[in-house]
């Protein structure tokens, strides 16, 4: 009876259901269907939802219900498609190797996407451009004085974003910055006064190890590369271009 019901529904709706194929931004074929704005109810008065066998899919989108013919996902496994999947797999593997500070860097770089998705998109774009992908370098900072600085921030800016805002009252902390996104500006803010301590145009272990001096606060802040942060890149395990 169920099979007969499905066949009846499909026969009545088939003239209104059109399947289209298109290509995505990587040249990979995908299938989609024109959605029909209608209310679909079964013989008991309740609405269809999900897949009915392998014939029809009933669902809703933004409050509008639709029904469409089931379409088997198109997977041609082209060279481009397989290469893209391999690069994405590399990106996921690389993300898992990052520590929390490095992941936080991508969270703060992104405007709308979660840090993970922003990282994967950036990784794929970089490798597609046949460039080397370099991960953020971890940087430790510490004050050299004994003064009370609670509420006074050490700010690291990138373009118009304040990537890190570190409380100098902690006396020490750690941040992470990507080598390929310079320049970075280090500044402190006290009330309405602001003082630029450093503009970092290149990022490497040699440029990181230095002392920031503030005439506004009369303090010095030492910066050094964190242990193991000399590895500014992760070797690509799959060897793809």
C-alpha atoms as a PDB file:
ATOM      1  CA  UNK A   1       0.000   0.000   0.000  1.00  0.00           C
ATOM      2  CA  UNK A   2       2.843   2.315   0.859  1.00  0.00           C
ATOM      3  CA  UNK A   3       4.511   1.708  -2.483  1.00  0.00           C
ATOM      4  CA  UNK A   4       1.237   2.391  -4.305  1.00  0.00           C
ATOM      5  CA  UNK A   5       0.760   5.626  -2.323  1.00  0.00           C
ATOM      6  CA  UNK A   6       4.267   6.788  -3.228  1.00  0.00           C
ATOM      7  CA  UNK A   7       3.718   5.991  -6.891  1.00  0.00           C
ATOM      8  CA  UNK A   8       0.416   7.886  -6.929  1.00  0.00           C
ATOM      9  CA  UNK A   9       1.928  10.982  -5.333  1.00  0.00           C
ATOM     10  CA  UNK A  10       4.931  10.885  -7.611  1.00  0.00           C
ATOM     11  CA  UNK A  11       2.827  10.505 -10.765  1.00  0.00           C
ATOM     12  CA  UNK A  12       0.723  13.541  -9.853  1.00  0.00           C
ATOM     13  CA  UNK A  13       3.692  15.717  -8.941  1.00  0.00           C
ATOM     14  CA  UNK A  14       6.175  14.575 -11.566  1.00  0.00           C
ATOM     15  CA  UNK A  15       5.200  17.228 -14.179  1.00  0.00           C
ATOM     16  CA  UNK A  16       6.046  19.947 -11.611  1.00  0.00           C
ATOM     17  CA  UNK A  17       9.389  18.511 -10.524  1.00  0.00           C
ATOM     18  CA  UNK A  18      12.443  19.422 -12.542  1.00  0.00           C
ATOM     19  CA  UNK A  19      15.938  18.360 -11.751  1.00  0.00           C
ATOM     20  CA  UNK A  20      18.848  20.573 -12.718  1.00  0.00           C
ATOM     21  CA  UNK A  21      22.615  20.077 -12.635  1.00  0.00           C
ATOM     22  CA  UNK A  22      25.233  22.748 -12.209  1.00  0.00           C
ATOM     23  CA  UNK A  23      28.900  23.121 -11.380  1.00  0.00           C
ATOM     24  CA  UNK A  24      30.298  24.513  -8.165  1.00  0.00           C
ATOM     25  CA  UNK A  25      33.245  26.912  -7.824  1.00  0.00           C
ATOM     26  CA  UNK A  26      35.718  24.044  -8.145  1.00  0.00           C
ATOM     27  CA  UNK A  27      34.222  22.703 -11.361  1.00  0.00           C
ATOM     28  CA  UNK A  28      32.508  19.794  -9.619  1.00  0.00           C
ATOM     29  CA  UNK A  29      29.054  18.737 -10.713  1.00  0.00           C
ATOM     30  CA  UNK A  30      26.286  18.729  -8.166  1.00  0.00           C
ATOM     31  CA  UNK A  31      22.542  18.060  -8.370  1.00  0.00           C
ATOM     32  CA  UNK A  32      19.724  20.258  -7.152  1.00  0.00           C
ATOM     33  CA  UNK A  33      15.967  20.420  -7.629  1.00  0.00           C
ATOM     34  CA  UNK A  34      13.497  23.246  -8.061  1.00  0.00           C
ATOM     35  CA  UNK A  35      11.498  23.506  -4.858  1.00  0.00           C
ATOM     36  CA  UNK A  36       7.714  23.811  -5.160  1.00  0.00           C
ATOM     37  CA  UNK A  37       5.835  26.029  -2.720  1.00  0.00           C
ATOM     38  CA  UNK A  38       2.972  23.840  -1.533  1.00  0.00           C
ATOM     39  CA  UNK A  39       1.588  22.082   1.518  1.00  0.00           C
ATOM     40  CA  UNK A  40       2.002  18.326   1.488  1.00  0.00           C
ATOM     41  CA  UNK A  41      -0.122  16.154   3.733  1.00  0.00           C
ATOM     42  CA  UNK A  42      -0.657  12.414   3.759  1.00  0.00           C
ATOM     43  CA  UNK A  43      -3.990  10.604   3.981  1.00  0.00           C
ATOM     44  CA  UNK A  44      -4.013  11.014   7.772  1.00  0.00           C
ATOM     45  CA  UNK A  45      -3.752  14.809   7.556  1.00  0.00           C
ATOM     46  CA  UNK A  46      -0.219  15.053   8.923  1.00  0.00           C
ATOM     47  CA  UNK A  47       2.682  16.414   6.931  1.00  0.00           C
ATOM     48  CA  UNK A  48       5.310  14.386   5.134  1.00  0.00           C
ATOM     49  CA  UNK A  49       8.880  14.841   6.307  1.00  0.00           C
ATOM     50  CA  UNK A  50      12.050  13.074   5.193  1.00  0.00           C
ATOM     51  CA  UNK A  51      12.498  10.472   2.502  1.00  0.00           C
ATOM     52  CA  UNK A  52       9.661   8.272   1.289  1.00  0.00           C
ATOM     53  CA  UNK A  53      11.504   5.196   0.129  1.00  0.00           C
ATOM     54  CA  UNK A  54      13.968   6.229  -2.568  1.00  0.00           C
ATOM     55  CA  UNK A  55      11.398   8.066  -4.651  1.00  0.00           C
ATOM     56  CA  UNK A  56      10.341  11.338  -2.977  1.00  0.00           C
ATOM     57  CA  UNK A  57      11.781  13.753  -0.416  1.00  0.00           C
ATOM     58  CA  UNK A  58       9.401  15.993   1.551  1.00  0.00           C
ATOM     59  CA  UNK A  59      10.703  18.812   3.724  1.00  0.00           C
ATOM     60  CA  UNK A  60      10.396  22.530   4.500  1.00  0.00           C
ATOM     61  CA  UNK A  61      12.642  25.564   4.136  1.00  0.00           C
ATOM     62  CA  UNK A  62      11.990  28.926   5.790  1.00  0.00           C
ATOM     63  CA  UNK A  63       8.457  27.869   6.591  1.00  0.00           C
ATOM     64  CA  UNK A  64       7.661  26.780   3.033  1.00  0.00           C
ATOM     65  CA  UNK A  65       7.003  23.113   2.413  1.00  0.00           C
ATOM     66  CA  UNK A  66       8.140  21.369  -0.731  1.00  0.00           C
ATOM     67  CA  UNK A  67       8.449  17.960  -2.282  1.00  0.00           C
ATOM     68  CA  UNK A  68      10.998  16.767  -4.825  1.00  0.00           C
ATOM     69  CA  UNK A  69      12.143  13.593  -6.475  1.00  0.00           C
ATOM     70  CA  UNK A  70      15.009  11.782  -4.806  1.00  0.00           C
ATOM     71  CA  UNK A  71      18.280  12.343  -6.652  1.00  0.00           C
ATOM     72  CA  UNK A  72      21.277  10.150  -6.035  1.00  0.00           C
ATOM     73  CA  UNK A  73      24.265  12.403  -5.199  1.00  0.00           C
ATOM     74  CA  UNK A  74      26.514  12.863  -8.193  1.00  0.00           C
ATOM     75  CA  UNK A  75      30.079  11.788  -7.419  1.00  0.00           C
ATOM     76  CA  UNK A  76      32.176  11.645 -10.591  1.00  0.00           C
ATOM     77  CA  UNK A  77      35.423  11.455  -8.549  1.00  0.00           C
ATOM     78  CA  UNK A  78      37.209  13.678 -11.012  1.00  0.00           C
ATOM     79  CA  UNK A  79      40.871  14.544 -10.549  1.00  0.00           C
ATOM     80  CA  UNK A  80      39.939  18.045  -9.404  1.00  0.00           C
ATOM     81  CA  UNK A  81      37.387  16.712  -6.945  1.00  0.00           C
ATOM     82  CA  UNK A  82      39.771  14.170  -5.450  1.00  0.00           C
ATOM     83  CA  UNK A  83      42.513  16.794  -5.172  1.00  0.00           C
ATOM     84  CA  UNK A  84      40.139  19.182  -3.394  1.00  0.00           C
ATOM     85  CA  UNK A  85      39.058  16.496  -0.934  1.00  0.00           C
ATOM     86  CA  UNK A  86      42.677  15.644  -0.177  1.00  0.00           C
ATOM     87  CA  UNK A  87      43.536  19.289   0.529  1.00  0.00           C
ATOM     88  CA  UNK A  88      40.521  19.649   2.827  1.00  0.00           C
ATOM     89  CA  UNK A  89      41.622  16.485   4.657  1.00  0.00           C
ATOM     90  CA  UNK A  90      45.075  18.047   5.102  1.00  0.00           C
ATOM     91  CA  UNK A  91      43.497  21.218   6.460  1.00  0.00           C
ATOM     92  CA  UNK A  92      41.492  19.261   9.043  1.00  0.00           C
ATOM     93  CA  UNK A  93      44.577  17.322  10.097  1.00  0.00           C
ATOM     94  CA  UNK A  94      46.580  20.553  10.424  1.00  0.00           C
ATOM     95  CA  UNK A  95      43.844  22.234  12.482  1.00  0.00           C
ATOM     96  CA  UNK A  96      43.964  19.374  14.978  1.00  0.00           C
ATOM     97  CA  UNK A  97      47.700  19.992  15.484  1.00  0.00           C
ATOM     98  CA  UNK A  98      47.188  23.620  16.491  1.00  0.00           C
ATOM     99  CA  UNK A  99      47.062  24.609  20.157  1.00  0.00           C
ATOM    100  CA  UNK A 100      44.249  26.695  21.633  1.00  0.00           C
ATOM    101  CA  UNK A 101      46.114  30.007  21.265  1.00  0.00           C
ATOM    102  CA  UNK A 102      46.744  29.351  17.566  1.00  0.00           C
ATOM    103  CA  UNK A 103      43.097  28.430  17.040  1.00  0.00           C
ATOM    104  CA  UNK A 104      42.064  31.607  18.842  1.00  0.00           C
ATOM    105  CA  UNK A 105      44.059  33.604  16.275  1.00  0.00           C
ATOM    106  CA  UNK A 106      41.777  32.335  13.470  1.00  0.00           C
ATOM    107  CA  UNK A 107      38.663  32.877  15.573  1.00  0.00           C
ATOM    108  CA  UNK A 108      39.617  36.542  15.922  1.00  0.00           C
ATOM    109  CA  UNK A 109      40.691  36.961  12.296  1.00  0.00           C
ATOM    110  CA  UNK A 110      37.308  35.874  10.994  1.00  0.00           C
ATOM    111  CA  UNK A 111      34.345  38.234  10.742  1.00  0.00           C
ATOM    112  CA  UNK A 112      31.460  35.822  10.296  1.00  0.00           C
ATOM    113  CA  UNK A 113      32.766  32.249  10.056  1.00  0.00           C
ATOM    114  CA  UNK A 114      33.801  30.073  13.000  1.00  0.00           C
ATOM    115  CA  UNK A 115      37.583  29.902  13.292  1.00  0.00           C
ATOM    116  CA  UNK A 116      37.691  26.306  12.051  1.00  0.00           C
ATOM    117  CA  UNK A 117      35.837  27.072   8.823  1.00  0.00           C
ATOM    118  CA  UNK A 118      37.849  30.239   8.256  1.00  0.00           C
ATOM    119  CA  UNK A 119      41.065  28.225   8.679  1.00  0.00           C
ATOM    120  CA  UNK A 120      39.990  25.471   6.244  1.00  0.00           C
ATOM    121  CA  UNK A 121      38.938  28.007   3.623  1.00  0.00           C
ATOM    122  CA  UNK A 122      42.228  29.910   3.994  1.00  0.00           C
ATOM    123  CA  UNK A 123      44.242  26.670   3.840  1.00  0.00           C
ATOM    124  CA  UNK A 124      42.531  25.501   0.642  1.00  0.00           C
ATOM    125  CA  UNK A 125      42.912  28.934  -0.978  1.00  0.00           C
ATOM    126  CA  UNK A 126      46.633  29.071  -0.098  1.00  0.00           C
ATOM    127  CA  UNK A 127      47.436  25.579  -1.388  1.00  0.00           C
ATOM    128  CA  UNK A 128      45.378  26.132  -4.554  1.00  0.00           C
ATOM    129  CA  UNK A 129      47.537  29.207  -5.196  1.00  0.00           C
ATOM    130  CA  UNK A 130      50.595  26.928  -4.879  1.00  0.00           C
ATOM    131  CA  UNK A 131      51.872  28.827  -1.843  1.00  0.00           C
ATOM    132  CA  UNK A 132      53.290  27.581   1.435  1.00  0.00           C
ATOM    133  CA  UNK A 133      50.851  27.564   4.332  1.00  0.00           C
ATOM    134  CA  UNK A 134      52.430  28.726   7.583  1.00  0.00           C
ATOM    135  CA  UNK A 135      50.760  28.353  10.955  1.00  0.00           C
ATOM    136  CA  UNK A 136      50.737  31.074  13.663  1.00  0.00           C
ATOM    137  CA  UNK A 137      53.820  31.544  15.850  1.00  0.00           C
ATOM    138  CA  UNK A 138      53.186  31.570  19.595  1.00  0.00           C
ATOM    139  CA  UNK A 139      54.630  34.570  21.437  1.00  0.00           C
ATOM    140  CA  UNK A 140      55.113  34.912  25.196  1.00  0.00           C
ATOM    141  CA  UNK A 141      55.201  38.344  26.792  1.00  0.00           C
ATOM    142  CA  UNK A 142      56.105  39.388  30.313  1.00  0.00           C
ATOM    143  CA  UNK A 143      56.521  42.637  32.256  1.00  0.00           C
ATOM    144  CA  UNK A 144      59.864  43.527  33.796  1.00  0.00           C
ATOM    145  CA  UNK A 145      58.493  45.733  36.612  1.00  0.00           C
ATOM    146  CA  UNK A 146      56.556  45.223  39.839  1.00  0.00           C
ATOM    147  CA  UNK A 147      53.970  47.964  39.352  1.00  0.00           C
ATOM    148  CA  UNK A 148      50.193  47.472  39.515  1.00  0.00           C
ATOM    149  CA  UNK A 149      48.715  47.637  36.016  1.00  0.00           C
ATOM    150  CA  UNK A 150      45.265  46.049  36.414  1.00  0.00           C
ATOM    151  CA  UNK A 151      42.874  47.104  33.676  1.00  0.00           C
ATOM    152  CA  UNK A 152      45.561  48.532  31.393  1.00  0.00           C
ATOM    153  CA  UNK A 153      45.595  46.566  28.127  1.00  0.00           C
ATOM    154  CA  UNK A 154      48.355  45.516  25.775  1.00  0.00           C
ATOM    155  CA  UNK A 155      46.608  45.498  22.394  1.00  0.00           C
ATOM    156  CA  UNK A 156      47.671  43.742  19.201  1.00  0.00           C
ATOM    157  CA  UNK A 157      45.981  45.213  16.125  1.00  0.00           C
ATOM    158  CA  UNK A 158      45.711  43.811  12.615  1.00  0.00           C
ATOM    159  CA  UNK A 159      44.185  46.185  10.088  1.00  0.00           C
ATOM    160  CA  UNK A 160      41.134  47.537  11.945  1.00  0.00           C
ATOM    161  CA  UNK A 161      40.773  44.546  14.282  1.00  0.00           C
ATOM    162  CA  UNK A 162      42.011  44.235  17.839  1.00  0.00           C
ATOM    163  CA  UNK A 163      43.136  40.609  17.683  1.00  0.00           C
ATOM    164  CA  UNK A 164      44.376  40.312  21.247  1.00  0.00           C
ATOM    165  CA  UNK A 165      43.698  42.470  24.293  1.00  0.00           C
ATOM    166  CA  UNK A 166      45.992  41.349  27.119  1.00  0.00           C
ATOM    167  CA  UNK A 167      45.611  42.614  30.672  1.00  0.00           C
ATOM    168  CA  UNK A 168      49.005  43.936  31.804  1.00  0.00           C
ATOM    169  CA  UNK A 169      47.900  43.251  35.361  1.00  0.00           C
ATOM    170  CA  UNK A 170      48.552  39.540  34.680  1.00  0.00           C
ATOM    171  CA  UNK A 171      52.271  40.377  34.293  1.00  0.00           C
ATOM    172  CA  UNK A 172      52.632  37.719  31.557  1.00  0.00           C
ATOM    173  CA  UNK A 173      50.666  36.036  28.819  1.00  0.00           C
ATOM    174  CA  UNK A 174      50.748  34.358  25.420  1.00  0.00           C
ATOM    175  CA  UNK A 175      49.390  35.199  21.980  1.00  0.00           C
ATOM    176  CA  UNK A 176      49.773  33.724  18.472  1.00  0.00           C
ATOM    177  CA  UNK A 177      50.228  35.578  15.187  1.00  0.00           C
ATOM    178  CA  UNK A 178      50.330  34.322  11.597  1.00  0.00           C
ATOM    179  CA  UNK A 179      53.560  35.051   9.662  1.00  0.00           C
ATOM    180  CA  UNK A 180      51.662  35.800   6.441  1.00  0.00           C
ATOM    181  CA  UNK A 181      49.328  38.479   7.816  1.00  0.00           C
ATOM    182  CA  UNK A 182      51.712  41.252   8.851  1.00  0.00           C
ATOM    183  CA  UNK A 183      51.914  44.051   9.803  1.00  0.00           C
ATOM    184  CA  UNK A 184      50.774  43.905  13.424  1.00  0.00           C
ATOM    185  CA  UNK A 185      50.679  46.923  15.728  1.00  0.00           C
ATOM    186  CA  UNK A 186      51.386  46.610  19.476  1.00  0.00           C
ATOM    187  CA  UNK A 187      50.027  49.430  21.624  1.00  0.00           C
ATOM    188  CA  UNK A 188      48.894  50.234  25.140  1.00  0.00           C
ATOM    189  CA  UNK A 189      45.899  52.286  26.201  1.00  0.00           C
ATOM    190  CA  UNK A 190      45.493  54.210  29.452  1.00  0.00           C
ATOM    191  CA  UNK A 191      42.225  56.091  29.665  1.00  0.00           C
ATOM    192  CA  UNK A 192      42.002  58.206  26.524  1.00  0.00           C
ATOM    193  CA  UNK A 193      45.760  58.059  25.929  1.00  0.00           C
ATOM    194  CA  UNK A 194      47.232  55.556  23.498  1.00  0.00           C
ATOM    195  CA  UNK A 195      50.859  54.711  22.772  1.00  0.00           C
ATOM    196  CA  UNK A 196      52.211  52.602  19.901  1.00  0.00           C
ATOM    197  CA  UNK A 197      55.065  50.397  21.068  1.00  0.00           C
ATOM    198  CA  UNK A 198      55.883  48.427  17.914  1.00  0.00           C
ATOM    199  CA  UNK A 199      54.808  47.871  14.326  1.00  0.00           C
ATOM    200  CA  UNK A 200      55.835  44.349  13.329  1.00  0.00           C
ATOM    201  CA  UNK A 201      56.272  44.182   9.550  1.00  0.00           C
ATOM    202  CA  UNK A 202      57.902  40.743   9.476  1.00  0.00           C
ATOM    203  CA  UNK A 203      57.238  37.837  11.766  1.00  0.00           C
ATOM    204  CA  UNK A 204      59.973  35.353  12.620  1.00  0.00           C
ATOM    205  CA  UNK A 205      61.819  34.178  15.702  1.00  0.00           C
ATOM    206  CA  UNK A 206      64.472  36.918  15.310  1.00  0.00           C
ATOM    207  CA  UNK A 207      61.924  39.721  15.007  1.00  0.00           C
ATOM    208  CA  UNK A 208      59.852  38.425  17.938  1.00  0.00           C
ATOM    209  CA  UNK A 209      62.602  38.438  20.587  1.00  0.00           C
ATOM    210  CA  UNK A 210      62.717  42.074  21.668  1.00  0.00           C
ATOM    211  CA  UNK A 211      61.729  44.476  24.424  1.00  0.00           C
ATOM    212  CA  UNK A 212      58.830  46.933  24.162  1.00  0.00           C
ATOM    213  CA  UNK A 213      59.305  50.172  26.111  1.00  0.00           C
ATOM    214  CA  UNK A 214      56.473  52.453  27.213  1.00  0.00           C
ATOM    215  CA  UNK A 215      57.192  56.044  28.164  1.00  0.00           C
ATOM    216  CA  UNK A 216      53.518  56.495  29.056  1.00  0.00           C
ATOM    217  CA  UNK A 217      53.628  53.807  31.759  1.00  0.00           C
ATOM    218  CA  UNK A 218      57.380  53.688  32.375  1.00  0.00           C
ATOM    219  CA  UNK A 219      57.530  49.926  31.896  1.00  0.00           C
ATOM    220  CA  UNK A 220      59.231  47.359  29.685  1.00  0.00           C
ATOM    221  CA  UNK A 221      57.603  44.287  28.146  1.00  0.00           C
ATOM    222  CA  UNK A 222      59.759  41.383  26.961  1.00  0.00           C
ATOM    223  CA  UNK A 223      58.614  39.249  24.031  1.00  0.00           C
ATOM    224  CA  UNK A 224      60.036  35.845  23.092  1.00  0.00           C
ATOM    225  CA  UNK A 225      58.944  33.010  20.827  1.00  0.00           C
ATOM    226  CA  UNK A 226      57.221  30.257  22.791  1.00  0.00           C
ATOM    227  CA  UNK A 227      58.846  26.792  22.851  1.00  0.00           C
ATOM    228  CA  UNK A 228      58.398  24.795  19.614  1.00  0.00           C
ATOM    229  CA  UNK A 229      57.044  27.846  17.778  1.00  0.00           C
ATOM    230  CA  UNK A 230      60.101  27.890  15.480  1.00  0.00           C
ATOM    231  CA  UNK A 231      58.147  25.482  13.286  1.00  0.00           C
ATOM    232  CA  UNK A 232      56.160  28.118  11.409  1.00  0.00           C
ATOM    233  CA  UNK A 233      54.808  25.529   8.991  1.00  0.00           C
ATOM    234  CA  UNK A 234      53.476  22.001   9.151  1.00  0.00           C
ATOM    235  CA  UNK A 235      54.720  19.610   6.507  1.00  0.00           C
ATOM    236  CA  UNK A 236      52.018  18.590   4.075  1.00  0.00           C
ATOM    237  CA  UNK A 237      51.622  14.867   4.563  1.00  0.00           C
ATOM    238  CA  UNK A 238      49.871  14.130   1.286  1.00  0.00           C
ATOM    239  CA  UNK A 239      52.337  15.902  -0.987  1.00  0.00           C
ATOM    240  CA  UNK A 240      49.682  17.462  -3.250  1.00  0.00           C
ATOM    241  CA  UNK A 241      49.869  20.782  -5.079  1.00  0.00           C
END
